[in-house]
Amino acid sequence: MTDEPVEIPIEDVLDLHPFRPNEIRDVTLEYLTVARERGLRQVRLIHGRGIGVQRANVQSLLETLD
């Protein structure tokens, strides 16, 4: 695997499954920032199921945004 940047199409859905857990916060923040700049006002974040760790991480990030 490589640590080179990957370009993600900015749409109204972001599936977080392909990302490592330690990348979720940064990927989500960057995605939402660019989505807002492009005029998207709603983005669906797919964080998966399980014991809720990623959901909690995403919700924690969202609470810090205005």
PDB file of N, CA and C in Angstrom:
ATOM      1  N   MET A   1       0.831  -1.173   0.000  1.00  0.00           N
ATOM      2  CA  MET A   1       0.000   0.000   0.000  1.00  0.00           C
ATOM      3  C   MET A   1       0.878   1.241   0.000  1.00  0.00           C
ATOM      4  N   THR A   2       0.302   2.327  -0.481  1.00  0.00           N
ATOM      5  CA  THR A   2       1.045   3.575  -0.548  1.00  0.00           C
ATOM      6  C   THR A   2       0.308   4.668   0.223  1.00  0.00           C
ATOM      7  N   ASP A   3       1.038   5.672   0.635  1.00  0.00           N
ATOM      8  CA  ASP A   3       0.440   6.792   1.350  1.00  0.00           C
ATOM      9  C   ASP A   3       0.213   7.982   0.443  1.00  0.00           C
ATOM     10  N   GLU A   4       0.215   7.754  -0.864  1.00  0.00           N
ATOM     11  CA  GLU A   4       0.004   8.843  -1.805  1.00  0.00           C
ATOM     12  C   GLU A   4      -1.451   9.277  -1.774  1.00  0.00           C
ATOM     13  N   PRO A   5      -1.701  10.581  -1.995  1.00  0.00           N
ATOM     14  CA  PRO A   5      -3.084  11.072  -1.988  1.00  0.00           C
ATOM     15  C   PRO A   5      -3.928  10.385  -3.057  1.00  0.00           C
ATOM     16  N   VAL A   6      -5.180  10.179  -2.712  1.00  0.00           N
ATOM     17  CA  VAL A   6      -6.141   9.589  -3.627  1.00  0.00           C
ATOM     18  C   VAL A   6      -7.218  10.632  -3.893  1.00  0.00           C
ATOM     19  N   GLU A   7      -7.526  10.876  -5.147  1.00  0.00           N
ATOM     20  CA  GLU A   7      -8.576  11.832  -5.471  1.00  0.00           C
ATOM     21  C   GLU A   7      -9.925  11.134  -5.393  1.00  0.00           C
ATOM     22  N   ILE A   8     -10.827  11.729  -4.637  1.00  0.00           N
ATOM     23  CA  ILE A   8     -12.157  11.178  -4.438  1.00  0.00           C
ATOM     24  C   ILE A   8     -13.150  12.124  -5.104  1.00  0.00           C
ATOM     25  N   PRO A   9     -14.054  11.592  -5.931  1.00  0.00           N
ATOM     26  CA  PRO A   9     -15.071  12.476  -6.509  1.00  0.00           C
ATOM     27  C   PRO A   9     -15.959  13.053  -5.409  1.00  0.00           C
ATOM     28  N   ILE A  10     -16.202  14.351  -5.475  1.00  0.00           N
ATOM     29  CA  ILE A  10     -17.025  15.012  -4.460  1.00  0.00           C
ATOM     30  C   ILE A  10     -18.482  14.944  -4.909  1.00  0.00           C
ATOM     31  N   GLU A  11     -19.248  14.142  -4.192  1.00  0.00           N
ATOM     32  CA  GLU A  11     -20.670  13.949  -4.482  1.00  0.00           C
ATOM     33  C   GLU A  11     -21.440  14.106  -3.183  1.00  0.00           C
ATOM     34  N   ASP A  12     -22.699  13.711  -3.187  1.00  0.00           N
ATOM     35  CA  ASP A  12     -23.492  13.861  -1.974  1.00  0.00           C
ATOM     36  C   ASP A  12     -23.447  12.630  -1.069  1.00  0.00           C
ATOM     37  N   VAL A  13     -22.544  11.692  -1.368  1.00  0.00           N
ATOM     38  CA  VAL A  13     -22.366  10.499  -0.544  1.00  0.00           C
ATOM     39  C   VAL A  13     -20.874  10.211  -0.400  1.00  0.00           C
ATOM     40  N   LEU A  14     -20.442   9.937   0.814  1.00  0.00           N
ATOM     41  CA  LEU A  14     -19.067   9.518   1.060  1.00  0.00           C
ATOM     42  C   LEU A  14     -19.106   8.193   1.814  1.00  0.00           C
ATOM     43  N   ASP A  15     -18.612   7.146   1.162  1.00  0.00           N
ATOM     44  CA  ASP A  15     -18.529   5.830   1.784  1.00  0.00           C
ATOM     45  C   ASP A  15     -17.157   5.709   2.439  1.00  0.00           C
ATOM     46  N   LEU A  16     -17.130   5.574   3.737  1.00  0.00           N
ATOM     47  CA  LEU A  16     -15.883   5.544   4.489  1.00  0.00           C
ATOM     48  C   LEU A  16     -15.279   4.146   4.627  1.00  0.00           C
ATOM     49  N   HIS A  17     -15.941   3.142   4.093  1.00  0.00           N
ATOM     50  CA  HIS A  17     -15.438   1.771   4.204  1.00  0.00           C
ATOM     51  C   HIS A  17     -14.021   1.566   3.661  1.00  0.00           C
ATOM     52  N   PRO A  18     -13.643   2.195   2.540  1.00  0.00           N
ATOM     53  CA  PRO A  18     -12.308   1.922   1.991  1.00  0.00           C
ATOM     54  C   PRO A  18     -11.149   2.500   2.823  1.00  0.00           C
ATOM     55  N   PHE A  19     -11.454   3.326   3.799  1.00  0.00           N
ATOM     56  CA  PHE A  19     -10.399   4.024   4.531  1.00  0.00           C
ATOM     57  C   PHE A  19     -10.066   3.333   5.843  1.00  0.00           C
ATOM     58  N   ARG A  20      -8.807   3.473   6.235  1.00  0.00           N
ATOM     59  CA  ARG A  20      -8.379   2.932   7.524  1.00  0.00           C
ATOM     60  C   ARG A  20      -8.992   3.776   8.638  1.00  0.00           C
ATOM     61  N   PRO A  21      -9.233   3.177   9.781  1.00  0.00           N
ATOM     62  CA  PRO A  21      -9.847   3.915  10.889  1.00  0.00           C
ATOM     63  C   PRO A  21      -9.104   5.201  11.252  1.00  0.00           C
ATOM     64  N   ASN A  22      -7.787   5.187  11.181  1.00  0.00           N
ATOM     65  CA  ASN A  22      -7.034   6.390  11.545  1.00  0.00           C
ATOM     66  C   ASN A  22      -7.094   7.472  10.466  1.00  0.00           C
ATOM     67  N   GLU A  23      -7.694   7.185   9.324  1.00  0.00           N
ATOM     68  CA  GLU A  23      -7.840   8.171   8.249  1.00  0.00           C
ATOM     69  C   GLU A  23      -9.219   8.818   8.224  1.00  0.00           C
ATOM     70  N   ILE A  24     -10.182   8.212   8.915  1.00  0.00           N
ATOM     71  CA  ILE A  24     -11.583   8.614   8.804  1.00  0.00           C
ATOM     72  C   ILE A  24     -11.795  10.089   9.119  1.00  0.00           C
ATOM     73  N   ARG A  25     -11.255  10.559  10.212  1.00  0.00           N
ATOM     74  CA  ARG A  25     -11.486  11.961  10.613  1.00  0.00           C
ATOM     75  C   ARG A  25     -10.945  12.938   9.576  1.00  0.00           C
ATOM     76  N   ASP A  26      -9.716  12.745   9.131  1.00  0.00           N
ATOM     77  CA  ASP A  26      -9.114  13.656   8.153  1.00  0.00           C
ATOM     78  C   ASP A  26      -9.824  13.602   6.810  1.00  0.00           C
ATOM     79  N   VAL A  27     -10.146  12.392   6.355  1.00  0.00           N
ATOM     80  CA  VAL A  27     -10.837  12.231   5.074  1.00  0.00           C
ATOM     81  C   VAL A  27     -12.204  12.912   5.131  1.00  0.00           C
ATOM     82  N   THR A  28     -12.929  12.680   6.209  1.00  0.00           N
ATOM     83  CA  THR A  28     -14.262  13.253   6.349  1.00  0.00           C
ATOM     84  C   THR A  28     -14.213  14.775   6.389  1.00  0.00           C
ATOM     85  N   LEU A  29     -13.308  15.320   7.156  1.00  0.00           N
ATOM     86  CA  LEU A  29     -13.185  16.777   7.258  1.00  0.00           C
ATOM     87  C   LEU A  29     -12.837  17.391   5.908  1.00  0.00           C
ATOM     88  N   GLU A  30     -11.857  16.843   5.234  1.00  0.00           N
ATOM     89  CA  GLU A  30     -11.454  17.371   3.931  1.00  0.00           C
ATOM     90  C   GLU A  30     -12.600  17.265   2.921  1.00  0.00           C
ATOM     91  N   TYR A  31     -13.277  16.134   2.911  1.00  0.00           N
ATOM     92  CA  TYR A  31     -14.395  15.907   1.995  1.00  0.00           C
ATOM     93  C   TYR A  31     -15.506  16.926   2.241  1.00  0.00           C
ATOM     94  N   LEU A  32     -15.890  17.092   3.500  1.00  0.00           N
ATOM     95  CA  LEU A  32     -16.958  18.029   3.821  1.00  0.00           C
ATOM     96  C   LEU A  32     -16.573  19.469   3.499  1.00  0.00           C
ATOM     97  N   THR A  33     -15.329  19.814   3.703  1.00  0.00           N
ATOM     98  CA  THR A  33     -14.855  21.158   3.380  1.00  0.00           C
ATOM     99  C   THR A  33     -14.992  21.434   1.889  1.00  0.00           C
ATOM    100  N   VAL A  34     -14.522  20.500   1.078  1.00  0.00           N
ATOM    101  CA  VAL A  34     -14.599  20.673  -0.379  1.00  0.00           C
ATOM    102  C   VAL A  34     -16.048  20.624  -0.846  1.00  0.00           C
ATOM    103  N   ALA A  35     -16.839  19.734  -0.273  1.00  0.00           N
ATOM    104  CA  ALA A  35     -18.255  19.640  -0.650  1.00  0.00           C
ATOM    105  C   ALA A  35     -18.967  20.964  -0.387  1.00  0.00           C
ATOM    106  N   ARG A  36     -18.688  21.559   0.753  1.00  0.00           N
ATOM    107  CA  ARG A  36     -19.307  22.860   1.071  1.00  0.00           C
ATOM    108  C   ARG A  36     -18.862  23.930   0.088  1.00  0.00           C
ATOM    109  N   GLU A  37     -17.567  23.947  -0.240  1.00  0.00           N
ATOM    110  CA  GLU A  37     -17.056  24.919  -1.212  1.00  0.00           C
ATOM    111  C   GLU A  37     -17.734  24.768  -2.572  1.00  0.00           C
ATOM    112  N   ARG A  38     -18.134  23.552  -2.894  1.00  0.00           N
ATOM    113  CA  ARG A  38     -18.785  23.275  -4.185  1.00  0.00           C
ATOM    114  C   ARG A  38     -20.301  23.414  -4.127  1.00  0.00           C
ATOM    115  N   GLY A  39     -20.810  23.856  -3.002  1.00  0.00           N
ATOM    116  CA  GLY A  39     -22.228  24.146  -2.895  1.00  0.00           C
ATOM    117  C   GLY A  39     -23.107  23.028  -2.376  1.00  0.00           C
ATOM    118  N   LEU A  40     -22.535  21.910  -2.005  1.00  0.00           N
ATOM    119  CA  LEU A  40     -23.338  20.827  -1.436  1.00  0.00           C
ATOM    120  C   LEU A  40     -23.698  21.182   0.006  1.00  0.00           C
ATOM    121  N   ARG A  41     -24.950  21.059   0.338  1.00  0.00           N
ATOM    122  CA  ARG A  41     -25.408  21.390   1.687  1.00  0.00           C
ATOM    123  C   ARG A  41     -25.761  20.158   2.493  1.00  0.00           C
ATOM    124  N   GLN A  42     -25.834  19.007   1.834  1.00  0.00           N
ATOM    125  CA  GLN A  42     -26.100  17.751   2.518  1.00  0.00           C
ATOM    126  C   GLN A  42     -25.200  16.686   1.934  1.00  0.00           C
ATOM    127  N   VAL A  43     -24.560  15.926   2.804  1.00  0.00           N
ATOM    128  CA  VAL A  43     -23.711  14.813   2.382  1.00  0.00           C
ATOM    129  C   VAL A  43     -24.045  13.626   3.278  1.00  0.00           C
ATOM    130  N   ARG A  44     -24.280  12.507   2.659  1.00  0.00           N
ATOM    131  CA  ARG A  44     -24.548  11.272   3.411  1.00  0.00           C
ATOM    132  C   ARG A  44     -23.208  10.591   3.687  1.00  0.00           C
ATOM    133  N   LEU A  45     -22.926  10.310   4.932  1.00  0.00           N
ATOM    134  CA  LEU A  45     -21.689   9.655   5.324  1.00  0.00           C
ATOM    135  C   LEU A  45     -21.991   8.215   5.698  1.00  0.00           C
ATOM    136  N   ILE A  46     -21.409   7.281   4.981  1.00  0.00           N
ATOM    137  CA  ILE A  46     -21.614   5.866   5.257  1.00  0.00           C
ATOM    138  C   ILE A  46     -20.413   5.384   6.047  1.00  0.00           C
ATOM    139  N   HIS A  47     -20.629   5.100   7.325  1.00  0.00           N
ATOM    140  CA  HIS A  47     -19.523   4.737   8.206  1.00  0.00           C
ATOM    141  C   HIS A  47     -19.551   3.272   8.598  1.00  0.00           C
ATOM    142  N   GLY A  48     -20.584   2.570   8.241  1.00  0.00           N
ATOM    143  CA  GLY A  48     -20.620   1.140   8.513  1.00  0.00           C
ATOM    144  C   GLY A  48     -21.389   0.791   9.761  1.00  0.00           C
ATOM    145  N   ARG A  49     -21.342  -0.481  10.053  1.00  0.00           N
ATOM    146  CA  ARG A  49     -22.030  -1.008  11.226  1.00  0.00           C
ATOM    147  C   ARG A  49     -20.982  -1.597  12.157  1.00  0.00           C
ATOM    148  N   GLY A  50     -21.408  -2.209  13.157  1.00  0.00           N
ATOM    149  CA  GLY A  50     -20.456  -2.793  14.097  1.00  0.00           C
ATOM    150  C   GLY A  50     -20.743  -2.279  15.488  1.00  0.00           C
ATOM    151  N   ILE A  51     -19.698  -1.977  16.228  1.00  0.00           N
ATOM    152  CA  ILE A  51     -19.897  -1.547  17.616  1.00  0.00           C
ATOM    153  C   ILE A  51     -20.016  -0.028  17.747  1.00  0.00           C
ATOM    154  N   GLY A  52     -19.949   0.702  16.629  1.00  0.00           N
ATOM    155  CA  GLY A  52     -20.216   2.132  16.646  1.00  0.00           C
ATOM    156  C   GLY A  52     -19.015   3.036  16.816  1.00  0.00           C
ATOM    157  N   VAL A  53     -17.815   2.507  16.711  1.00  0.00           N
ATOM    158  CA  VAL A  53     -16.615   3.333  16.903  1.00  0.00           C
ATOM    159  C   VAL A  53     -16.514   4.400  15.810  1.00  0.00           C
ATOM    160  N   GLN A  54     -16.671   3.989  14.551  1.00  0.00           N
ATOM    161  CA  GLN A  54     -16.562   4.971  13.457  1.00  0.00           C
ATOM    162  C   GLN A  54     -17.707   5.977  13.511  1.00  0.00           C
ATOM    163  N   ARG A  55     -18.905   5.514  13.835  1.00  0.00           N
ATOM    164  CA  ARG A  55     -20.041   6.431  13.975  1.00  0.00           C
ATOM    165  C   ARG A  55     -19.722   7.488  15.028  1.00  0.00           C
ATOM    166  N   ALA A  56     -19.185   7.075  16.145  1.00  0.00           N
ATOM    167  CA  ALA A  56     -18.837   8.013  17.214  1.00  0.00           C
ATOM    168  C   ALA A  56     -17.755   8.988  16.750  1.00  0.00           C
ATOM    169  N   ASN A  57     -16.768   8.496  16.016  1.00  0.00           N
ATOM    170  CA  ASN A  57     -15.714   9.376  15.495  1.00  0.00           C
ATOM    171  C   ASN A  57     -16.284  10.414  14.542  1.00  0.00           C
ATOM    172  N   VAL A  58     -17.162   9.976  13.646  1.00  0.00           N
ATOM    173  CA  VAL A  58     -17.768  10.896  12.684  1.00  0.00           C
ATOM    174  C   VAL A  58     -18.654  11.901  13.417  1.00  0.00           C
ATOM    175  N   GLN A  59     -19.464  11.443  14.350  1.00  0.00           N
ATOM    176  CA  GLN A  59     -20.325  12.352  15.098  1.00  0.00           C
ATOM    177  C   GLN A  59     -19.516  13.362  15.899  1.00  0.00           C
ATOM    178  N   SER A  60     -18.421  12.922  16.465  1.00  0.00           N
ATOM    179  CA  SER A  60     -17.543  13.816  17.201  1.00  0.00           C
ATOM    180  C   SER A  60     -16.988  14.924  16.313  1.00  0.00           C
ATOM    181  N   LEU A  61     -16.592  14.544  15.116  1.00  0.00           N
ATOM    182  CA  LEU A  61     -16.097  15.527  14.152  1.00  0.00           C
ATOM    183  C   LEU A  61     -17.203  16.503  13.779  1.00  0.00           C
ATOM    184  N   LEU A  62     -18.391  15.979  13.469  1.00  0.00           N
ATOM    185  CA  LEU A  62     -19.509  16.835  13.058  1.00  0.00           C
ATOM    186  C   LEU A  62     -19.877  17.850  14.122  1.00  0.00           C
ATOM    187  N   GLU A  63     -19.750  17.484  15.371  1.00  0.00           N
ATOM    188  CA  GLU A  63     -20.060  18.408  16.473  1.00  0.00           C
ATOM    189  C   GLU A  63     -19.113  19.611  16.502  1.00  0.00           C
ATOM    190  N   THR A  64     -17.925  19.446  15.929  1.00  0.00           N
ATOM    191  CA  THR A  64     -16.958  20.554  15.961  1.00  0.00           C
ATOM    192  C   THR A  64     -17.139  21.509  14.787  1.00  0.00           C
ATOM    193  N   LEU A  65     -17.950  21.141  13.815  1.00  0.00           N
ATOM    194  CA  LEU A  65     -18.140  21.959  12.619  1.00  0.00           C
ATOM    195  C   LEU A  65     -19.302  22.918  12.815  1.00  0.00           C
ATOM    196  N   ASP A  66     -19.241  24.041  12.120  1.00  0.00           N
ATOM    197  CA  ASP A  66     -20.368  24.982  12.199  1.00  0.00           C
ATOM    198  C   ASP A  66     -21.187  24.965  10.946  1.00  0.00           C
TER     199      ASP A  66
END
